[in-house]
Amino acid sequence: MQPAIEIKRCALSALPKEASSETWNPVSHLSVLQMLDTAIANAGFKATSETILVSKAGNRLFATLDLNIKVGETERLIVGVRNSHDKSFSMGLYYGTRSRVSKCVSFAVDAVTRRRHTPNADTVYADEIDAAVHQLKSFAEDQSIQFSAMKNRFFSVCEPEAIIVHAAEASAIPWRYVPKILSEWRRPSHRKHRGQSQYHLFQSFIQVFDDRFKRSPIEVASELVRLHNFFRHCDVKVNFTRENQKNQ
């Protein structure tokens, strides 16, 4: 999906959609968003803003909806949804957060995957989206706890640089991101993201990812999920490294 184009929801109905067949029943981008709207309302939440990105041909979509749910003191809950009419990928739903400082998005969970446009796709999509959205409150609570722990976990000299390199070695980030993340860590774009905690390091990663998100949202959303998985175990890696250094 390169490059992506931002459009308004009212323009979605004009986008082309492939004809259905016995095994293929593409669900329109607008229908998928309306299913998500219904699920959000049924769960008692409210979308405060949305960003809709589509491919140049209009057959691929990635939309981000900001919700009225705070995650700790510095983030807000978001939901991302992808859809395609050209069989390039399945419909998918993501949980994540948006920093209220940098406005960068960070997707942590790929909640609904591998849902192809089968003949009964409309019903399947609606049910799975509804079930996933009802897990958002629990996700927000878990993320709040994780961010709080990250803000209270501080690094010694050179540990952040080592973690950035290790993230590339673990395929959590592309190697080409390493110089940019190192630069962002040493000279943060936002004053409130200056510090020596794991949270501040995480924001350095997110800032670099955000530069590509509007151009390639589907690819970057998947990369962000991998990054979150890496940081969930980052404290274990750091502690293990410290123990090794003590024993040498």
C-alpha atoms as a PDB file:
ATOM      1  CA  MET A   1       0.000   0.000   0.000  1.00  0.00           C
ATOM      2  CA  GLN A   2       2.407   2.655  -1.217  1.00  0.00           C
ATOM      3  CA  PRO A   3       1.725   5.489  -1.286  1.00  0.00           C
ATOM      4  CA  ALA A   4      -1.429   5.812   0.813  1.00  0.00           C
ATOM      5  CA  ILE A   5      -3.859   8.690   0.284  1.00  0.00           C
ATOM      6  CA  GLU A   6      -5.923  10.259   3.072  1.00  0.00           C
ATOM      7  CA  ILE A   7      -9.614  10.699   2.257  1.00  0.00           C
ATOM      8  CA  LYS A   8     -12.855  11.507   4.065  1.00  0.00           C
ATOM      9  CA  ARG A   9     -15.393   8.803   4.894  1.00  0.00           C
ATOM     10  CA  CYS A  10     -17.951  10.319   2.529  1.00  0.00           C
ATOM     11  CA  ALA A  11     -15.650   9.453  -0.391  1.00  0.00           C
ATOM     12  CA  LEU A  12     -15.560   5.721   0.393  1.00  0.00           C
ATOM     13  CA  SER A  13     -18.863   4.929  -1.304  1.00  0.00           C
ATOM     14  CA  ALA A  14     -17.423   6.104  -4.637  1.00  0.00           C
ATOM     15  CA  LEU A  15     -14.506   3.663  -4.547  1.00  0.00           C
ATOM     16  CA  PRO A  16     -14.681   0.639  -6.900  1.00  0.00           C
ATOM     17  CA  LYS A  17     -15.318  -2.871  -5.571  1.00  0.00           C
ATOM     18  CA  GLU A  18     -14.745  -6.172  -7.359  1.00  0.00           C
ATOM     19  CA  ALA A  19     -17.780  -8.235  -8.291  1.00  0.00           C
ATOM     20  CA  SER A  20     -18.699 -11.170  -6.059  1.00  0.00           C
ATOM     21  CA  SER A  21     -18.267 -14.805  -7.066  1.00  0.00           C
ATOM     22  CA  GLU A  22     -19.189 -18.163  -5.529  1.00  0.00           C
ATOM     23  CA  THR A  23     -16.152 -18.055  -3.246  1.00  0.00           C
ATOM     24  CA  TRP A  24     -15.331 -14.349  -3.123  1.00  0.00           C
ATOM     25  CA  ASN A  25     -17.593 -11.686  -1.623  1.00  0.00           C
ATOM     26  CA  PRO A  26     -15.622  -8.484  -1.026  1.00  0.00           C
ATOM     27  CA  VAL A  27     -17.056  -6.349   1.769  1.00  0.00           C
ATOM     28  CA  SER A  28     -16.857  -2.628   1.036  1.00  0.00           C
ATOM     29  CA  HIS A  29     -14.537  -0.393   3.037  1.00  0.00           C
ATOM     30  CA  LEU A  30     -17.518   1.662   4.188  1.00  0.00           C
ATOM     31  CA  SER A  31     -19.360  -1.443   5.425  1.00  0.00           C
ATOM     32  CA  VAL A  32     -16.344  -2.553   7.466  1.00  0.00           C
ATOM     33  CA  LEU A  33     -16.093   0.893   9.077  1.00  0.00           C
ATOM     34  CA  GLN A  34     -19.812   0.892   9.834  1.00  0.00           C
ATOM     35  CA  MET A  35     -19.463  -2.518  11.519  1.00  0.00           C
ATOM     36  CA  LEU A  36     -16.687  -1.056  13.646  1.00  0.00           C
ATOM     37  CA  ASP A  37     -18.842   1.991  14.475  1.00  0.00           C
ATOM     38  CA  THR A  38     -21.644  -0.283  15.662  1.00  0.00           C
ATOM     39  CA  ALA A  39     -19.309  -2.413  17.781  1.00  0.00           C
ATOM     40  CA  ILE A  40     -17.755   0.678  19.388  1.00  0.00           C
ATOM     41  CA  ALA A  41     -21.191   2.092  20.239  1.00  0.00           C
ATOM     42  CA  ASN A  42     -22.416  -1.269  21.597  1.00  0.00           C
ATOM     43  CA  ALA A  43     -19.377  -1.430  23.886  1.00  0.00           C
ATOM     44  CA  GLY A  44     -20.175   2.007  25.302  1.00  0.00           C
ATOM     45  CA  PHE A  45     -17.234   3.790  23.676  1.00  0.00           C
ATOM     46  CA  LYS A  46     -17.088   6.769  21.333  1.00  0.00           C
ATOM     47  CA  ALA A  47     -14.806   7.601  18.422  1.00  0.00           C
ATOM     48  CA  THR A  48     -13.502  11.165  18.729  1.00  0.00           C
ATOM     49  CA  SER A  49     -11.665  11.315  15.392  1.00  0.00           C
ATOM     50  CA  GLU A  50     -10.680   9.129  12.461  1.00  0.00           C
ATOM     51  CA  THR A  51      -8.004   8.945   9.780  1.00  0.00           C
ATOM     52  CA  ILE A  52      -8.804   7.010   6.601  1.00  0.00           C
ATOM     53  CA  LEU A  53      -5.987   5.991   4.256  1.00  0.00           C
ATOM     54  CA  VAL A  54      -6.504   4.172   0.950  1.00  0.00           C
ATOM     55  CA  SER A  55      -4.266   2.990  -1.862  1.00  0.00           C
ATOM     56  CA  LYS A  56      -4.190   4.994  -5.084  1.00  0.00           C
ATOM     57  CA  ALA A  57      -6.559   2.536  -6.789  1.00  0.00           C
ATOM     58  CA  GLY A  58      -8.865   2.574  -3.761  1.00  0.00           C
ATOM     59  CA  ASN A  59      -8.872  -1.215  -3.294  1.00  0.00           C
ATOM     60  CA  ARG A  60      -6.923  -1.206   0.000  1.00  0.00           C
ATOM     61  CA  LEU A  61      -7.802   0.624   3.195  1.00  0.00           C
ATOM     62  CA  PHE A  62      -6.345   1.311   6.612  1.00  0.00           C
ATOM     63  CA  ALA A  63      -8.364   3.448   9.026  1.00  0.00           C
ATOM     64  CA  THR A  64      -7.516   4.605  12.540  1.00  0.00           C
ATOM     65  CA  LEU A  65     -10.222   5.587  15.027  1.00  0.00           C
ATOM     66  CA  ASP A  66      -9.294   7.473  18.204  1.00  0.00           C
ATOM     67  CA  LEU A  67     -11.531   6.556  21.149  1.00  0.00           C
ATOM     68  CA  ASN A  68     -12.583   8.462  24.264  1.00  0.00           C
ATOM     69  CA  ILE A  69     -10.526   6.186  26.526  1.00  0.00           C
ATOM     70  CA  LYS A  70      -7.374   7.375  28.254  1.00  0.00           C
ATOM     71  CA  VAL A  71      -4.521   4.927  28.727  1.00  0.00           C
ATOM     72  CA  GLY A  72      -2.607   6.176  31.738  1.00  0.00           C
ATOM     73  CA  GLU A  73      -1.573   9.835  31.782  1.00  0.00           C
ATOM     74  CA  THR A  74      -0.020  10.169  28.344  1.00  0.00           C
ATOM     75  CA  GLU A  75      -1.863   7.955  25.824  1.00  0.00           C
ATOM     76  CA  ARG A  76      -5.298   7.505  24.316  1.00  0.00           C
ATOM     77  CA  LEU A  77      -6.815   4.286  22.965  1.00  0.00           C
ATOM     78  CA  ILE A  78      -7.056   3.758  19.200  1.00  0.00           C
ATOM     79  CA  VAL A  79      -8.395   1.036  16.914  1.00  0.00           C
ATOM     80  CA  GLY A  80      -7.016   0.320  13.464  1.00  0.00           C
ATOM     81  CA  VAL A  81      -8.811  -1.618  10.724  1.00  0.00           C
ATOM     82  CA  ARG A  82      -7.524  -2.853   7.369  1.00  0.00           C
ATOM     83  CA  ASN A  83      -9.497  -4.120   4.379  1.00  0.00           C
ATOM     84  CA  SER A  84      -8.857  -4.987   0.733  1.00  0.00           C
ATOM     85  CA  HIS A  85     -10.852  -5.726  -2.417  1.00  0.00           C
ATOM     86  CA  ASP A  86      -7.963  -7.146  -4.453  1.00  0.00           C
ATOM     87  CA  LYS A  87      -7.236 -10.283  -2.364  1.00  0.00           C
ATOM     88  CA  SER A  88      -3.908  -8.808  -1.225  1.00  0.00           C
ATOM     89  CA  PHE A  89      -4.651  -9.371   2.473  1.00  0.00           C
ATOM     90  CA  SER A  90      -7.477 -10.280   4.822  1.00  0.00           C
ATOM     91  CA  MET A  91      -9.563  -7.930   6.932  1.00  0.00           C
ATOM     92  CA  GLY A  92      -7.839  -7.178  10.231  1.00  0.00           C
ATOM     93  CA  LEU A  93      -8.339  -5.214  13.440  1.00  0.00           C
ATOM     94  CA  TYR A  94      -5.642  -3.705  15.657  1.00  0.00           C
ATOM     95  CA  TYR A  95      -5.588  -2.361  19.224  1.00  0.00           C
ATOM     96  CA  GLY A  96      -3.196   0.441  20.059  1.00  0.00           C
ATOM     97  CA  THR A  97      -2.564   3.851  21.568  1.00  0.00           C
ATOM     98  CA  ARG A  98      -1.766   7.363  20.414  1.00  0.00           C
ATOM     99  CA  SER A  99       0.654   9.544  22.345  1.00  0.00           C
ATOM    100  CA  ARG A 100      -0.956  12.795  23.452  1.00  0.00           C
ATOM    101  CA  VAL A 101       2.494  14.406  23.251  1.00  0.00           C
ATOM    102  CA  SER A 102       3.768  13.363  19.812  1.00  0.00           C
ATOM    103  CA  LYS A 103       0.414  12.217  18.316  1.00  0.00           C
ATOM    104  CA  CYS A 104       2.240   9.089  17.087  1.00  0.00           C
ATOM    105  CA  VAL A 105       0.285   5.836  16.834  1.00  0.00           C
ATOM    106  CA  SER A 106       1.465   2.567  18.334  1.00  0.00           C
ATOM    107  CA  PHE A 107      -0.363  -0.686  17.580  1.00  0.00           C
ATOM    108  CA  ALA A 108       0.195  -3.463  20.113  1.00  0.00           C
ATOM    109  CA  VAL A 109      -2.212  -6.278  19.174  1.00  0.00           C
ATOM    110  CA  ASP A 110      -3.444  -7.750  15.886  1.00  0.00           C
ATOM    111  CA  ALA A 111      -6.879  -8.678  17.234  1.00  0.00           C
ATOM    112  CA  VAL A 112      -8.639 -10.088  14.153  1.00  0.00           C
ATOM    113  CA  THR A 113      -6.670 -11.715  11.329  1.00  0.00           C
ATOM    114  CA  ARG A 114      -7.007 -14.192   8.483  1.00  0.00           C
ATOM    115  CA  ARG A 115     -10.608 -13.247   7.696  1.00  0.00           C
ATOM    116  CA  ARG A 116     -11.057 -13.577   3.948  1.00  0.00           C
ATOM    117  CA  HIS A 117     -13.965 -12.210   1.947  1.00  0.00           C
ATOM    118  CA  THR A 118     -15.963 -15.447   1.863  1.00  0.00           C
ATOM    119  CA  PRO A 119     -19.676 -15.551   0.914  1.00  0.00           C
ATOM    120  CA  ASN A 120     -20.741 -15.059   4.573  1.00  0.00           C
ATOM    121  CA  ALA A 121     -18.044 -12.474   5.298  1.00  0.00           C
ATOM    122  CA  ASP A 122     -20.516  -9.753   6.326  1.00  0.00           C
ATOM    123  CA  THR A 123     -21.826 -11.784   9.264  1.00  0.00           C
ATOM    124  CA  VAL A 124     -18.426 -13.161  10.261  1.00  0.00           C
ATOM    125  CA  TYR A 125     -16.801  -9.725  10.197  1.00  0.00           C
ATOM    126  CA  ALA A 126     -19.532  -8.115  12.280  1.00  0.00           C
ATOM    127  CA  ASP A 127     -19.388 -10.844  14.943  1.00  0.00           C
ATOM    128  CA  GLU A 128     -15.596 -10.868  15.218  1.00  0.00           C
ATOM    129  CA  ILE A 129     -15.260  -7.090  15.247  1.00  0.00           C
ATOM    130  CA  ASP A 130     -17.883  -6.865  17.986  1.00  0.00           C
ATOM    131  CA  ALA A 131     -16.125  -9.513  20.088  1.00  0.00           C
ATOM    132  CA  ALA A 132     -12.750  -7.815  19.642  1.00  0.00           C
ATOM    133  CA  VAL A 133     -14.019  -4.342  20.549  1.00  0.00           C
ATOM    134  CA  HIS A 134     -15.479  -5.669  23.796  1.00  0.00           C
ATOM    135  CA  GLN A 135     -11.903  -6.572  24.840  1.00  0.00           C
ATOM    136  CA  LEU A 136     -10.682  -2.988  24.476  1.00  0.00           C
ATOM    137  CA  LYS A 137     -11.248  -1.955  28.093  1.00  0.00           C
ATOM    138  CA  SER A 138      -9.129  -4.855  29.328  1.00  0.00           C
ATOM    139  CA  PHE A 139      -6.449  -3.994  26.780  1.00  0.00           C
ATOM    140  CA  ALA A 140      -6.425  -0.344  27.911  1.00  0.00           C
ATOM    141  CA  GLU A 141      -5.931  -1.411  31.531  1.00  0.00           C
ATOM    142  CA  ASP A 142      -3.068  -3.746  30.588  1.00  0.00           C
ATOM    143  CA  GLN A 143      -1.393  -1.043  28.496  1.00  0.00           C
ATOM    144  CA  SER A 144      -1.689   1.469  31.323  1.00  0.00           C
ATOM    145  CA  ILE A 145       0.095  -0.939  33.666  1.00  0.00           C
ATOM    146  CA  GLN A 146       2.791  -1.657  31.079  1.00  0.00           C
ATOM    147  CA  PHE A 147       3.468   2.029  30.360  1.00  0.00           C
ATOM    148  CA  SER A 148       3.613   2.792  34.088  1.00  0.00           C
ATOM    149  CA  ALA A 149       6.200   0.045  34.576  1.00  0.00           C
ATOM    150  CA  MET A 150       8.215   1.301  31.596  1.00  0.00           C
ATOM    151  CA  LYS A 151       8.283   4.831  33.035  1.00  0.00           C
ATOM    152  CA  ASN A 152       9.779   3.469  36.254  1.00  0.00           C
ATOM    153  CA  ARG A 153      12.407   1.288  34.587  1.00  0.00           C
ATOM    154  CA  PHE A 154      15.635   3.237  34.061  1.00  0.00           C
ATOM    155  CA  PHE A 155      18.719   2.327  32.056  1.00  0.00           C
ATOM    156  CA  SER A 156      22.380   2.572  32.873  1.00  0.00           C
ATOM    157  CA  VAL A 157      24.878   4.057  30.406  1.00  0.00           C
ATOM    158  CA  CYS A 158      24.943   2.359  26.958  1.00  0.00           C
ATOM    159  CA  GLU A 159      21.986   0.025  27.669  1.00  0.00           C
ATOM    160  CA  PRO A 160      19.562   1.908  25.371  1.00  0.00           C
ATOM    161  CA  GLU A 161      21.978   1.719  22.439  1.00  0.00           C
ATOM    162  CA  ALA A 162      22.452  -2.005  23.044  1.00  0.00           C
ATOM    163  CA  ILE A 163      18.682  -2.558  23.113  1.00  0.00           C
ATOM    164  CA  ILE A 164      18.212  -0.671  19.841  1.00  0.00           C
ATOM    165  CA  VAL A 165      20.751  -2.923  18.141  1.00  0.00           C
ATOM    166  CA  HIS A 166      19.251  -6.016  19.767  1.00  0.00           C
ATOM    167  CA  ALA A 167      15.808  -5.018  18.459  1.00  0.00           C
ATOM    168  CA  ALA A 168      17.217  -5.164  14.927  1.00  0.00           C
ATOM    169  CA  GLU A 169      18.965  -8.477  15.631  1.00  0.00           C
ATOM    170  CA  ALA A 170      15.645  -9.880  16.881  1.00  0.00           C
ATOM    171  CA  SER A 171      13.866  -8.627  13.705  1.00  0.00           C
ATOM    172  CA  ALA A 172      11.657  -6.347  15.814  1.00  0.00           C
ATOM    173  CA  ILE A 173      12.762  -3.436  13.603  1.00  0.00           C
ATOM    174  CA  PRO A 174      14.451  -3.154  10.191  1.00  0.00           C
ATOM    175  CA  TRP A 175      18.191  -2.504  10.400  1.00  0.00           C
ATOM    176  CA  ARG A 176      17.750   0.723   8.439  1.00  0.00           C
ATOM    177  CA  TYR A 177      15.827   2.163  11.419  1.00  0.00           C
ATOM    178  CA  VAL A 178      18.781   1.847  13.810  1.00  0.00           C
ATOM    179  CA  PRO A 179      20.576   5.142  12.959  1.00  0.00           C
ATOM    180  CA  LYS A 180      17.298   7.086  13.032  1.00  0.00           C
ATOM    181  CA  ILE A 181      16.253   5.630  16.401  1.00  0.00           C
ATOM    182  CA  LEU A 182      19.684   6.305  17.863  1.00  0.00           C
ATOM    183  CA  SER A 183      19.407   9.912  16.692  1.00  0.00           C
ATOM    184  CA  GLU A 184      15.884  10.280  18.092  1.00  0.00           C
ATOM    185  CA  TRP A 185      16.971   8.771  21.439  1.00  0.00           C
ATOM    186  CA  ARG A 186      19.891  11.181  21.770  1.00  0.00           C
ATOM    187  CA  ARG A 187      17.945  14.220  20.525  1.00  0.00           C
ATOM    188  CA  PRO A 188      14.198  13.647  21.087  1.00  0.00           C
ATOM    189  CA  SER A 189      11.747  15.531  18.887  1.00  0.00           C
ATOM    190  CA  HIS A 190       9.589  16.322  21.926  1.00  0.00           C
ATOM    191  CA  ARG A 191      10.818  17.815  25.195  1.00  0.00           C
ATOM    192  CA  LYS A 192       8.546  15.594  27.308  1.00  0.00           C
ATOM    193  CA  HIS A 193      10.156  12.507  25.773  1.00  0.00           C
ATOM    194  CA  ARG A 194      13.592  13.364  27.104  1.00  0.00           C
ATOM    195  CA  GLY A 195      14.711  10.950  29.810  1.00  0.00           C
ATOM    196  CA  GLN A 196      16.459   7.675  30.583  1.00  0.00           C
ATOM    197  CA  SER A 197      13.505   5.357  31.133  1.00  0.00           C
ATOM    198  CA  GLN A 198      12.336   2.464  28.993  1.00  0.00           C
ATOM    199  CA  TYR A 199       9.238   4.505  28.147  1.00  0.00           C
ATOM    200  CA  HIS A 200      11.381   7.307  26.718  1.00  0.00           C
ATOM    201  CA  LEU A 201      13.313   4.780  24.641  1.00  0.00           C
ATOM    202  CA  PHE A 202      10.063   3.262  23.378  1.00  0.00           C
ATOM    203  CA  GLN A 203       8.891   6.705  22.250  1.00  0.00           C
ATOM    204  CA  SER A 204      12.100   7.094  20.236  1.00  0.00           C
ATOM    205  CA  PHE A 205      11.167   3.942  18.321  1.00  0.00           C
ATOM    206  CA  ILE A 206       7.574   5.089  17.793  1.00  0.00           C
ATOM    207  CA  GLN A 207       8.616   8.495  16.482  1.00  0.00           C
ATOM    208  CA  VAL A 208      10.689   6.866  13.742  1.00  0.00           C
ATOM    209  CA  PHE A 209       7.911   4.422  12.823  1.00  0.00           C
ATOM    210  CA  ASP A 210       5.432   7.287  12.550  1.00  0.00           C
ATOM    211  CA  ASP A 211       7.389   8.863   9.718  1.00  0.00           C
ATOM    212  CA  ARG A 212       6.425   5.891   7.503  1.00  0.00           C
ATOM    213  CA  PHE A 213       2.959   5.177   8.873  1.00  0.00           C
ATOM    214  CA  LYS A 214       0.994   7.512   6.606  1.00  0.00           C
ATOM    215  CA  ARG A 215       2.796   6.170   3.535  1.00  0.00           C
ATOM    216  CA  SER A 216       2.605   2.445   4.377  1.00  0.00           C
ATOM    217  CA  PRO A 217       0.116   1.994   7.240  1.00  0.00           C
ATOM    218  CA  ILE A 218      -0.540  -1.731   6.821  1.00  0.00           C
ATOM    219  CA  GLU A 219       3.132  -2.702   6.804  1.00  0.00           C
ATOM    220  CA  VAL A 220       3.977  -0.349   9.674  1.00  0.00           C
ATOM    221  CA  ALA A 221       1.039  -1.556  11.804  1.00  0.00           C
ATOM    222  CA  SER A 222       2.436  -5.098  11.649  1.00  0.00           C
ATOM    223  CA  GLU A 223       5.933  -3.808  12.455  1.00  0.00           C
ATOM    224  CA  LEU A 224       4.553  -1.962  15.489  1.00  0.00           C
ATOM    225  CA  VAL A 225       2.941  -5.143  16.823  1.00  0.00           C
ATOM    226  CA  ARG A 226       6.331  -6.892  16.586  1.00  0.00           C
ATOM    227  CA  LEU A 227       7.955  -3.953  18.364  1.00  0.00           C
ATOM    228  CA  HIS A 228       5.454  -4.156  21.224  1.00  0.00           C
ATOM    229  CA  ASN A 229       6.145  -7.864  21.622  1.00  0.00           C
ATOM    230  CA  PHE A 230       9.854  -7.060  21.843  1.00  0.00           C
ATOM    231  CA  PHE A 231       9.336  -4.417  24.538  1.00  0.00           C
ATOM    232  CA  ARG A 232       7.069  -6.691  26.589  1.00  0.00           C
ATOM    233  CA  HIS A 233      10.134  -8.842  27.192  1.00  0.00           C
ATOM    234  CA  CYS A 234      12.678  -6.040  27.104  1.00  0.00           C
ATOM    235  CA  ASP A 235      13.033  -5.863  30.902  1.00  0.00           C
ATOM    236  CA  VAL A 236      13.837  -9.578  30.967  1.00  0.00           C
ATOM    237  CA  LYS A 237      16.593  -9.074  28.367  1.00  0.00           C
ATOM    238  CA  VAL A 238      18.024  -6.106  30.284  1.00  0.00           C
ATOM    239  CA  ASN A 239      18.048  -7.957  33.591  1.00  0.00           C
ATOM    240  CA  PHE A 240      19.647 -10.998  31.946  1.00  0.00           C
ATOM    241  CA  THR A 241      22.392  -8.801  30.485  1.00  0.00           C
ATOM    242  CA  ARG A 242      23.086  -7.220  33.853  1.00  0.00           C
ATOM    243  CA  GLU A 243      23.422 -10.616  35.512  1.00  0.00           C
ATOM    244  CA  ASN A 244      25.856 -11.745  32.816  1.00  0.00           C
ATOM    245  CA  GLN A 245      27.957  -8.632  33.354  1.00  0.00           C
ATOM    246  CA  LYS A 246      28.066  -9.246  37.101  1.00  0.00           C
ATOM    247  CA  ASN A 247      29.223 -12.833  36.602  1.00  0.00           C
ATOM    248  CA  GLN A 248      32.036 -11.929  34.201  1.00  0.00           C
END
